[in-house]
């Protein structure tokens, strides 16, 4: 294409009226039509600046040395400062949001040349680091716990931070794995929470975490953390760990009974145990009888039927009690026992004299009433309570 054709093409594309200005502009850019068009579309005043003739002042007459006139240095285009409020991939995508709606919100008006490279790059990053919304539960942690309990699934939780790139690596490299997804969808209810949101802050308060991201398996019925992994974890490693967990614990709907390995005992020890066993049965029977008498006295003469001979009452309830020093105590109560009786037990065994405490449930977070029974508090047949200092009224 000769110079005249280049000038004509430039005039047709840019609607510039003066051919001489177009010719000078093309000539100053080595007759590169594409470069000139791009420069003009970015800043249409640049062609006027390029066409202006430079005015050279007259040399100073009284100077003995010849004056050398240099071309002015090309001015660099100022870099636009990044607006922190603009959409970015890492500070806007959140697991509970609708990804399709998010894509609509990020669309902008297409430029005149029909190509928006920044938008293309933005969409690529969104697709690359998007959360696995198709297998995620939409809702808060408490709702996820109830949903997992009703569906008889383990609760798989992923704690993430938008400031940690390893969190984004999980979204990019780990969660898209098809084999891992099959294991998750069949046996777990999957939820992602962020450290800057209420669920993430609540989780870190009651479950210590060393690094973020953090992946954990929770018992949705008790809220207990059964297994966890800190930091980035590859898809194959996580899949292996989850499969080993299922082999050990079983599915939530069909758990594997945890049996202890029998120990090989010497003949003398076995004989001693045979001699001690009858006396232990007598002691347990007396304890049960005393407990039944106490219950009868406290209930004003109402007699509760209690099974003796070392057998448990049908209404037995196992409570995990998280003490204020971080330790966990485990004790068995009746489902009909009052919360005030549980507090009396904790004060007498684990607290200092005169210390006032209250009990709180974990999921959902609430203070337990003294006059309600363990069963009425929703802790039957097993539950977790937290010991807190009593708030003065």
Foldseek 3Di string as FASTA:
>chain_A
DDLVVLLVVLCVVLVDDDSVLSSQQCVVVVNPSVVSNVVCLVPVCVSVVSSDDDDDDDDDPPDPDDDDDDDDDDDDDDDDDDDPPQDAQLPPADLQDDLVVVLVVNDDDADPVRDDVVNVVRVVSNVQQHAPNVQADRDAPLVQLVVCVVVLAWEKEWEAESVDVLRSCCSRFAVVDPLLSVLCNVHYHYHYDYCVDPRNVLCCVLPPADAPGKIFIANSQARHTDDIDHTHDGNVRVSVVSVVVCVQFNGSVDGDDDDDDDDDDDPVVVVVCVVCVVVVQVVQQVVQVVVQVVVCVVVVNDGDDADGSPDHDPQKAWEWEQEPVRDIDIDIDGQQAFQLVVVVVCCVPPHDPPFAKWKFFVNPTDTGDRGHGNVRVSQPNHYYIYIGGDDDD
